[in-house]
Structure formats: structure tokens, C-alpha cells
């Protein structure tokens, strides 16, 4: 992990990225598979209930769209950092085929900067779109 990376992130951004990872994992983890459950959560027959952690699907889709718009080097570094959060920078660098963990760290930091800008752009676009839709609906 890198204190330098986390120092530049807000709590809300970290929450957003954890939500994105969780949304990606939902399709492949056993807890997302159909099985015995009710409106309060899953029950595996042991008598204990598993209450699912809330997932913000729209936010996860927006994050995925913004990540897809990043240049490849930064997109891959950001995805790898969050999907394997907790792995050392040296190990991340080895997985990317580079020698120095500081290079990977720099890619992640720059990728986060670009991602924040892309999220702001997408948010502004979506807000403008909904404003136009509301205005069109009010004029009808």
C-alpha cells in the first residue's frame, strides 16, 4: 500500500472505488449467486443471516465508464490498484512488468487525477442532460 496515494484521495473517492470493486465482484462471487434468501439477506441454513452491504449501482456504472475513458497505462494501473488493494507497490509493478514500484505509484496517482476529472465531466454531462429532459417534460 502507498500512503502517498491515499494522502491524495478523499474519503468519498475511496468509498466510490470500493463500491466499484464490489459491483465488479457481484457477478462472480458466491454471495451474489441465487440461493436461499429473503428480503433481509441470505441464510445458508446455519441460522445466521448475511445482510448484504449496500451497492450503489449507478455510481459503480459511472465509475466504470469514467475508468474506461482513461488512457491505457493509467486505466490499467488504477484498476489493478483497487482490485488488488493492499498489495505492495513493488508487487503491483512486477505484475505490470516494470521494475520500480514508484513508477506504478506515479501512474496510479496520475490515473486518479484523470479519473476525478472524467467523473466531474460525466457528472456535469448527466446533470445537463437531466435538466434538459425536465425542461422538455415541463414544456410538453
N, C-alpha and C. Protein backbone atom coordinates (compact mmCIF):
# COMPACT_ATOMS: atom_id res chain seq x y z
N UNK A 1 0.84 -1.18 0.00
CA UNK A 1 0.00 0.00 0.00
C UNK A 1 0.88 1.23 0.00
N UNK A 2 0.31 2.29 -0.44
CA UNK A 2 1.06 3.53 -0.55
C UNK A 2 0.35 4.65 0.19
N UNK A 3 1.02 5.16 1.20
CA UNK A 3 0.46 6.29 1.94
C UNK A 3 0.35 7.52 1.04
N UNK A 4 1.27 7.62 0.08
CA UNK A 4 1.26 8.77 -0.83
C UNK A 4 0.00 8.77 -1.70
N UNK A 5 -0.42 7.61 -2.13
CA UNK A 5 -1.64 7.52 -2.96
C UNK A 5 -2.86 7.90 -2.13
N UNK A 6 -3.00 7.31 -0.96
CA UNK A 6 -4.17 7.57 -0.13
C UNK A 6 -4.21 9.01 0.39
N UNK A 7 -3.04 9.63 0.55
CA UNK A 7 -2.98 11.00 1.05
C UNK A 7 -3.66 11.97 0.09
N UNK A 8 -3.70 11.61 -1.19
CA UNK A 8 -4.27 12.50 -2.20
C UNK A 8 -5.74 12.22 -2.49
N UNK A 9 -6.34 11.27 -1.76
CA UNK A 9 -7.72 10.88 -2.03
C UNK A 9 -8.65 11.30 -0.90
N UNK A 10 -9.87 11.65 -1.28
CA UNK A 10 -10.87 11.96 -0.26
C UNK A 10 -11.52 10.65 0.19
N UNK A 11 -12.16 10.71 1.32
CA UNK A 11 -12.87 9.54 1.84
C UNK A 11 -13.98 9.11 0.88
N UNK A 12 -14.63 10.09 0.26
CA UNK A 12 -15.71 9.78 -0.68
C UNK A 12 -15.18 9.07 -1.92
N UNK A 13 -14.00 9.47 -2.40
CA UNK A 13 -13.41 8.82 -3.56
C UNK A 13 -13.04 7.38 -3.24
N UNK A 14 -12.47 7.15 -2.07
CA UNK A 14 -12.11 5.78 -1.65
C UNK A 14 -13.37 4.93 -1.55
N UNK A 15 -14.44 5.49 -0.97
CA UNK A 15 -15.71 4.78 -0.87
C UNK A 15 -16.24 4.43 -2.26
N UNK A 16 -16.17 5.39 -3.17
CA UNK A 16 -16.62 5.18 -4.55
C UNK A 16 -15.86 4.04 -5.20
N UNK A 17 -14.55 3.98 -5.02
CA UNK A 17 -13.74 2.93 -5.64
C UNK A 17 -14.03 1.57 -5.01
N UNK A 18 -14.27 1.54 -3.69
CA UNK A 18 -14.65 0.28 -3.05
C UNK A 18 -15.99 -0.20 -3.58
N UNK A 19 -16.91 0.73 -3.81
CA UNK A 19 -18.21 0.41 -4.38
C UNK A 19 -18.04 -0.16 -5.79
N UNK A 20 -17.15 0.43 -6.58
CA UNK A 20 -16.88 -0.05 -7.94
C UNK A 20 -16.34 -1.49 -7.91
N UNK A 21 -15.39 -1.76 -7.00
CA UNK A 21 -14.84 -3.11 -6.88
C UNK A 21 -15.93 -4.09 -6.48
N UNK A 22 -16.75 -3.68 -5.53
CA UNK A 22 -17.83 -4.56 -5.07
C UNK A 22 -18.80 -4.87 -6.20
N UNK A 23 -19.11 -3.88 -7.02
CA UNK A 23 -20.02 -4.09 -8.15
C UNK A 23 -19.41 -5.06 -9.15
N UNK A 24 -18.11 -4.97 -9.39
CA UNK A 24 -17.43 -5.90 -10.31
C UNK A 24 -17.45 -7.31 -9.74
N UNK A 25 -17.29 -7.42 -8.42
CA UNK A 25 -17.25 -8.73 -7.78
C UNK A 25 -18.61 -9.40 -7.70
N UNK A 26 -19.68 -8.62 -7.74
CA UNK A 26 -21.03 -9.17 -7.55
C UNK A 26 -21.36 -10.26 -8.56
N UNK A 27 -20.84 -10.16 -9.76
CA UNK A 27 -21.17 -11.13 -10.80
C UNK A 27 -20.42 -12.45 -10.63
N UNK A 28 -19.36 -12.47 -9.83
CA UNK A 28 -18.52 -13.66 -9.77
C UNK A 28 -18.41 -14.30 -8.40
N UNK A 29 -18.92 -13.65 -7.36
CA UNK A 29 -18.78 -14.21 -6.01
C UNK A 29 -19.99 -15.03 -5.61
N UNK A 30 -19.79 -16.07 -4.82
CA UNK A 30 -20.91 -16.92 -4.41
C UNK A 30 -22.02 -16.16 -3.69
N UNK A 31 -21.69 -15.08 -2.98
CA UNK A 31 -22.73 -14.36 -2.24
C UNK A 31 -23.72 -13.68 -3.19
N UNK A 32 -23.36 -13.55 -4.46
CA UNK A 32 -24.28 -12.93 -5.41
C UNK A 32 -25.10 -13.98 -6.17
N UNK A 33 -24.77 -15.26 -6.00
CA UNK A 33 -25.49 -16.31 -6.69
C UNK A 33 -26.86 -16.51 -6.07
N UNK A 34 -27.81 -17.00 -6.85
CA UNK A 34 -29.12 -17.29 -6.29
C UNK A 34 -29.01 -18.37 -5.22
N UNK A 35 -29.84 -18.28 -4.25
CA UNK A 35 -29.83 -19.28 -3.19
C UNK A 35 -30.86 -18.92 -2.15
N UNK A 36 -30.89 -19.65 -1.05
CA UNK A 36 -31.88 -19.35 -0.02
C UNK A 36 -31.64 -17.96 0.57
N UNK A 37 -32.62 -17.13 0.44
CA UNK A 37 -32.50 -15.78 0.99
C UNK A 37 -33.90 -15.20 1.13
N UNK A 38 -33.98 -14.08 1.80
CA UNK A 38 -35.24 -13.36 1.89
C UNK A 38 -34.93 -11.87 1.80
N UNK A 39 -35.88 -11.03 2.06
CA UNK A 39 -35.66 -9.59 1.91
C UNK A 39 -34.64 -9.04 2.89
N UNK A 40 -34.32 -9.78 3.93
CA UNK A 40 -33.38 -9.30 4.94
C UNK A 40 -31.95 -9.77 4.69
N UNK A 41 -31.74 -10.67 3.74
CA UNK A 41 -30.40 -11.15 3.45
C UNK A 41 -30.41 -12.64 3.14
N UNK A 42 -29.22 -13.22 3.03
CA UNK A 42 -29.09 -14.64 2.72
C UNK A 42 -29.05 -15.45 3.99
N UNK A 43 -29.50 -16.67 3.88
CA UNK A 43 -29.40 -17.61 5.00
C UNK A 43 -28.88 -18.92 4.43
N UNK A 44 -27.79 -19.41 4.98
CA UNK A 44 -27.19 -20.64 4.45
C UNK A 44 -27.65 -21.88 5.20
N UNK A 45 -28.65 -21.74 6.05
CA UNK A 45 -29.16 -22.87 6.81
C UNK A 45 -28.53 -22.99 8.19
N UNK A 46 -27.52 -22.19 8.47
CA UNK A 46 -26.84 -22.27 9.76
C UNK A 46 -27.60 -21.48 10.83
N UNK A 47 -28.59 -20.71 10.41
CA UNK A 47 -29.33 -19.89 11.36
C UNK A 47 -28.82 -18.45 11.39
N UNK A 48 -27.70 -18.21 10.76
CA UNK A 48 -27.14 -16.86 10.70
C UNK A 48 -27.52 -16.21 9.38
N UNK A 49 -27.86 -14.95 9.46
CA UNK A 49 -28.23 -14.20 8.27
C UNK A 49 -27.05 -13.36 7.81
N UNK A 50 -26.87 -13.27 6.52
CA UNK A 50 -25.87 -12.40 5.92
C UNK A 50 -26.60 -11.22 5.31
N UNK A 51 -26.39 -10.04 5.84
CA UNK A 51 -27.02 -8.85 5.30
C UNK A 51 -26.09 -8.25 4.26
N UNK A 52 -26.56 -8.08 3.04
CA UNK A 52 -25.67 -7.55 2.01
C UNK A 52 -25.31 -6.09 2.27
N UNK A 53 -24.09 -5.75 1.92
CA UNK A 53 -23.64 -4.36 2.02
C UNK A 53 -24.28 -3.61 0.86
N UNK A 54 -24.83 -2.43 1.10
CA UNK A 54 -25.49 -1.70 0.02
C UNK A 54 -24.54 -1.42 -1.14
N UNK A 55 -25.06 -1.54 -2.33
CA UNK A 55 -24.29 -1.29 -3.54
C UNK A 55 -24.96 -0.15 -4.29
N UNK A 56 -24.19 0.85 -4.65
CA UNK A 56 -24.72 1.98 -5.41
C UNK A 56 -24.43 1.70 -6.89
N UNK A 57 -25.40 1.06 -7.53
CA UNK A 57 -25.21 0.59 -8.90
C UNK A 57 -24.94 1.70 -9.90
N UNK A 58 -25.68 2.79 -9.82
CA UNK A 58 -25.48 3.89 -10.76
C UNK A 58 -24.10 4.50 -10.62
N UNK A 59 -23.67 4.65 -9.39
CA UNK A 59 -22.33 5.20 -9.15
C UNK A 59 -21.26 4.25 -9.69
N UNK A 60 -21.45 2.96 -9.50
CA UNK A 60 -20.48 1.97 -9.99
C UNK A 60 -20.43 2.01 -11.52
N UNK A 61 -21.58 2.14 -12.18
CA UNK A 61 -21.59 2.23 -13.65
C UNK A 61 -20.90 3.50 -14.13
N UNK A 62 -21.15 4.61 -13.45
CA UNK A 62 -20.49 5.87 -13.83
C UNK A 62 -18.97 5.76 -13.64
N UNK A 63 -18.57 5.12 -12.55
CA UNK A 63 -17.13 4.94 -12.29
C UNK A 63 -16.51 4.06 -13.36
N UNK A 64 -17.20 2.98 -13.72
CA UNK A 64 -16.69 2.08 -14.77
C UNK A 64 -16.56 2.83 -16.10
N UNK A 65 -17.55 3.65 -16.43
CA UNK A 65 -17.50 4.42 -17.68
C UNK A 65 -16.33 5.40 -17.66
N UNK A 66 -16.11 6.05 -16.53
CA UNK A 66 -15.01 7.01 -16.42
C UNK A 66 -13.66 6.29 -16.51
N UNK A 67 -13.55 5.15 -15.88
CA UNK A 67 -12.30 4.38 -15.94
C UNK A 67 -12.01 3.94 -17.38
N UNK A 68 -13.05 3.53 -18.10
CA UNK A 68 -12.86 3.10 -19.49
C UNK A 68 -12.34 4.23 -20.37
N UNK A 69 -12.62 5.48 -20.01
CA UNK A 69 -12.19 6.62 -20.81
C UNK A 69 -10.76 7.06 -20.51
N UNK A 70 -10.11 6.46 -19.53
CA UNK A 70 -8.73 6.83 -19.20
C UNK A 70 -7.76 6.24 -20.22
N UNK A 71 -6.61 6.91 -20.43
CA UNK A 71 -5.56 6.30 -21.27
C UNK A 71 -5.13 4.96 -20.67
N UNK A 72 -4.77 4.01 -21.52
CA UNK A 72 -4.49 2.63 -21.12
C UNK A 72 -3.58 2.45 -19.93
N UNK A 73 -2.43 3.12 -19.92
CA UNK A 73 -1.47 2.95 -18.83
C UNK A 73 -2.10 3.30 -17.48
N UNK A 74 -2.80 4.41 -17.45
CA UNK A 74 -3.40 4.87 -16.20
C UNK A 74 -4.64 4.05 -15.84
N UNK A 75 -5.43 3.70 -16.85
CA UNK A 75 -6.62 2.87 -16.62
C UNK A 75 -6.21 1.54 -15.97
N UNK A 76 -5.24 0.88 -16.56
CA UNK A 76 -4.81 -0.42 -16.04
C UNK A 76 -4.21 -0.31 -14.65
N UNK A 77 -3.45 0.75 -14.40
CA UNK A 77 -2.83 0.93 -13.08
C UNK A 77 -3.89 1.18 -12.01
N UNK A 78 -4.88 2.02 -12.32
CA UNK A 78 -5.94 2.32 -11.35
C UNK A 78 -6.76 1.06 -11.07
N UNK A 79 -7.13 0.34 -12.13
CA UNK A 79 -7.92 -0.88 -11.94
C UNK A 79 -7.15 -1.89 -11.10
N UNK A 80 -5.90 -2.10 -11.42
CA UNK A 80 -5.10 -3.07 -10.68
C UNK A 80 -4.95 -2.65 -9.22
N UNK A 81 -4.71 -1.36 -8.99
CA UNK A 81 -4.52 -0.88 -7.62
C UNK A 81 -5.75 -1.18 -6.76
N UNK A 82 -6.95 -0.92 -7.29
CA UNK A 82 -8.16 -1.11 -6.49
C UNK A 82 -8.61 -2.56 -6.44
N UNK A 83 -8.41 -3.30 -7.50
CA UNK A 83 -8.81 -4.70 -7.50
C UNK A 83 -7.93 -5.54 -6.58
N UNK A 84 -6.68 -5.12 -6.43
CA UNK A 84 -5.73 -5.85 -5.56
C UNK A 84 -5.23 -4.91 -4.47
N UNK A 85 -6.14 -4.15 -3.90
CA UNK A 85 -5.79 -3.18 -2.87
C UNK A 85 -5.09 -3.90 -1.71
N UNK A 86 -4.03 -3.30 -1.24
CA UNK A 86 -3.28 -3.88 -0.14
C UNK A 86 -1.99 -4.54 -0.60
N UNK A 87 -1.88 -4.81 -1.88
CA UNK A 87 -0.66 -5.40 -2.42
C UNK A 87 0.44 -4.32 -2.42
N UNK A 88 1.67 -4.72 -2.22
CA UNK A 88 2.77 -3.76 -2.20
C UNK A 88 2.96 -3.13 -3.58
N UNK A 89 3.52 -1.93 -3.60
CA UNK A 89 3.77 -1.24 -4.86
C UNK A 89 4.77 -2.04 -5.70
N UNK A 90 5.73 -2.68 -5.04
CA UNK A 90 6.71 -3.49 -5.76
C UNK A 90 6.02 -4.64 -6.49
N UNK A 91 5.10 -5.29 -5.81
CA UNK A 91 4.37 -6.41 -6.40
C UNK A 91 3.47 -5.94 -7.55
N UNK A 92 2.80 -4.80 -7.34
CA UNK A 92 1.99 -4.22 -8.42
C UNK A 92 2.87 -3.97 -9.65
N UNK A 93 4.04 -3.38 -9.42
CA UNK A 93 4.95 -3.07 -10.53
C UNK A 93 5.36 -4.35 -11.25
N UNK A 94 5.66 -5.38 -10.50
CA UNK A 94 6.05 -6.65 -11.12
C UNK A 94 4.92 -7.20 -11.99
N UNK A 95 3.68 -7.09 -11.51
CA UNK A 95 2.54 -7.57 -12.30
C UNK A 95 2.38 -6.77 -13.60
N UNK A 96 2.78 -5.51 -13.59
CA UNK A 96 2.70 -4.66 -14.79
C UNK A 96 3.94 -4.80 -15.66
N UNK A 97 4.95 -5.52 -15.17
CA UNK A 97 6.16 -5.71 -15.95
C UNK A 97 7.14 -4.55 -15.88
N UNK A 98 7.07 -3.78 -14.81
CA UNK A 98 8.02 -2.68 -14.63
C UNK A 98 8.86 -2.95 -13.39
N UNK A 99 10.00 -2.30 -13.31
CA UNK A 99 10.96 -2.60 -12.26
C UNK A 99 10.69 -1.88 -10.95
N UNK A 100 10.20 -0.66 -11.04
CA UNK A 100 10.15 0.19 -9.85
C UNK A 100 8.71 0.43 -9.39
N UNK A 101 8.46 0.19 -8.12
CA UNK A 101 7.15 0.45 -7.55
C UNK A 101 6.77 1.91 -7.58
N UNK A 102 7.78 2.79 -7.58
CA UNK A 102 7.48 4.23 -7.63
C UNK A 102 6.88 4.63 -8.97
N UNK A 103 7.25 3.95 -10.03
CA UNK A 103 6.66 4.23 -11.34
C UNK A 103 5.19 3.85 -11.33
N UNK A 104 4.88 2.68 -10.81
CA UNK A 104 3.48 2.26 -10.71
C UNK A 104 2.70 3.24 -9.84
N UNK A 105 3.28 3.62 -8.72
CA UNK A 105 2.63 4.58 -7.82
C UNK A 105 2.33 5.89 -8.54
N UNK A 106 3.27 6.38 -9.34
CA UNK A 106 3.06 7.62 -10.10
C UNK A 106 1.94 7.45 -11.12
N UNK A 107 1.87 6.28 -11.76
CA UNK A 107 0.79 6.03 -12.71
C UNK A 107 -0.57 6.03 -12.02
N UNK A 108 -0.63 5.44 -10.83
CA UNK A 108 -1.89 5.40 -10.09
C UNK A 108 -2.31 6.82 -9.68
N UNK A 109 -1.36 7.59 -9.18
CA UNK A 109 -1.67 8.96 -8.76
C UNK A 109 -2.17 9.78 -9.95
N UNK A 110 -1.48 9.69 -11.08
CA UNK A 110 -1.90 10.42 -12.28
C UNK A 110 -3.25 9.88 -12.78
N UNK A 111 -3.42 8.57 -12.72
CA UNK A 111 -4.69 7.97 -13.12
C UNK A 111 -5.85 8.46 -12.26
N UNK A 112 -5.61 8.62 -10.96
CA UNK A 112 -6.66 9.15 -10.08
C UNK A 112 -7.00 10.59 -10.44
N UNK A 113 -5.99 11.39 -10.78
CA UNK A 113 -6.25 12.77 -11.18
C UNK A 113 -7.13 12.80 -12.43
N UNK A 114 -6.76 11.98 -13.41
CA UNK A 114 -7.54 11.92 -14.65
C UNK A 114 -8.95 11.37 -14.39
N UNK A 115 -9.05 10.39 -13.50
CA UNK A 115 -10.35 9.79 -13.18
C UNK A 115 -11.26 10.82 -12.51
N UNK A 116 -10.72 11.60 -11.59
CA UNK A 116 -11.53 12.63 -10.94
C UNK A 116 -12.05 13.64 -11.96
N UNK A 117 -11.19 14.04 -12.90
CA UNK A 117 -11.61 14.98 -13.94
C UNK A 117 -12.69 14.36 -14.83
N UNK A 118 -12.53 13.09 -15.17
CA UNK A 118 -13.51 12.41 -16.01
C UNK A 118 -14.84 12.24 -15.29
N UNK A 119 -14.79 11.92 -14.00
CA UNK A 119 -16.03 11.80 -13.21
C UNK A 119 -16.74 13.15 -13.14
N UNK A 120 -15.99 14.22 -12.97
CA UNK A 120 -16.59 15.56 -12.93
C UNK A 120 -17.24 15.88 -14.28
N UNK A 121 -16.56 15.53 -15.37
CA UNK A 121 -17.11 15.76 -16.70
C UNK A 121 -18.40 14.97 -16.91
N UNK A 122 -18.39 13.69 -16.53
CA UNK A 122 -19.58 12.86 -16.69
C UNK A 122 -20.73 13.35 -15.81
N UNK A 123 -20.42 13.79 -14.60
CA UNK A 123 -21.45 14.31 -13.71
C UNK A 123 -22.09 15.56 -14.30
N UNK A 124 -21.26 16.46 -14.82
CA UNK A 124 -21.79 17.69 -15.42
C UNK A 124 -22.66 17.35 -16.64
N UNK A 125 -22.21 16.39 -17.43
CA UNK A 125 -22.98 15.97 -18.61
C UNK A 125 -24.33 15.39 -18.19
N UNK A 126 -24.32 14.51 -17.20
CA UNK A 126 -25.56 13.88 -16.75
C UNK A 126 -26.51 14.90 -16.14
N UNK A 127 -25.97 15.86 -15.41
CA UNK A 127 -26.83 16.90 -14.82
C UNK A 127 -27.45 17.76 -15.91
N UNK A 128 -26.67 18.14 -16.91
CA UNK A 128 -27.19 18.95 -18.01
C UNK A 128 -28.27 18.18 -18.78
N UNK A 129 -28.02 16.91 -18.97
CA UNK A 129 -28.98 16.06 -19.68
C UNK A 129 -30.31 15.95 -18.92
N UNK A 130 -30.23 15.78 -17.60
CA UNK A 130 -31.47 15.67 -16.83
C UNK A 130 -32.20 17.01 -16.77
N UNK A 131 -31.45 18.11 -16.77
CA UNK A 131 -32.07 19.43 -16.78
C UNK A 131 -32.83 19.65 -18.08
N UNK A 132 -32.23 19.26 -19.20
CA UNK A 132 -32.90 19.39 -20.50
C UNK A 132 -34.14 18.49 -20.55
N UNK A 133 -34.02 17.28 -20.02
CA UNK A 133 -35.16 16.36 -20.02
C UNK A 133 -36.31 16.91 -19.17
N UNK A 134 -35.98 17.49 -18.01
CA UNK A 134 -37.02 18.08 -17.16
C UNK A 134 -37.67 19.27 -17.85
N UNK A 135 -36.85 20.09 -18.51
CA UNK A 135 -37.39 21.27 -19.20
C UNK A 135 -38.28 20.83 -20.36
N UNK A 136 -37.88 19.80 -21.07
CA UNK A 136 -38.71 19.30 -22.19
C UNK A 136 -40.02 18.72 -21.68
N UNK A 137 -39.96 18.05 -20.51
CA UNK A 137 -41.16 17.46 -19.93
C UNK A 137 -42.10 18.54 -19.40
N UNK A 138 -41.55 19.63 -18.88
CA UNK A 138 -42.38 20.72 -18.34
C UNK A 138 -43.03 21.52 -19.45
N UNK A 139 -42.37 21.59 -20.62
CA UNK A 139 -42.92 22.34 -21.73
C UNK A 139 -43.94 21.58 -22.53
N UNK A 140 -44.04 20.28 -22.28
CA UNK A 140 -44.97 19.46 -23.07
C UNK A 140 -46.39 19.58 -22.59
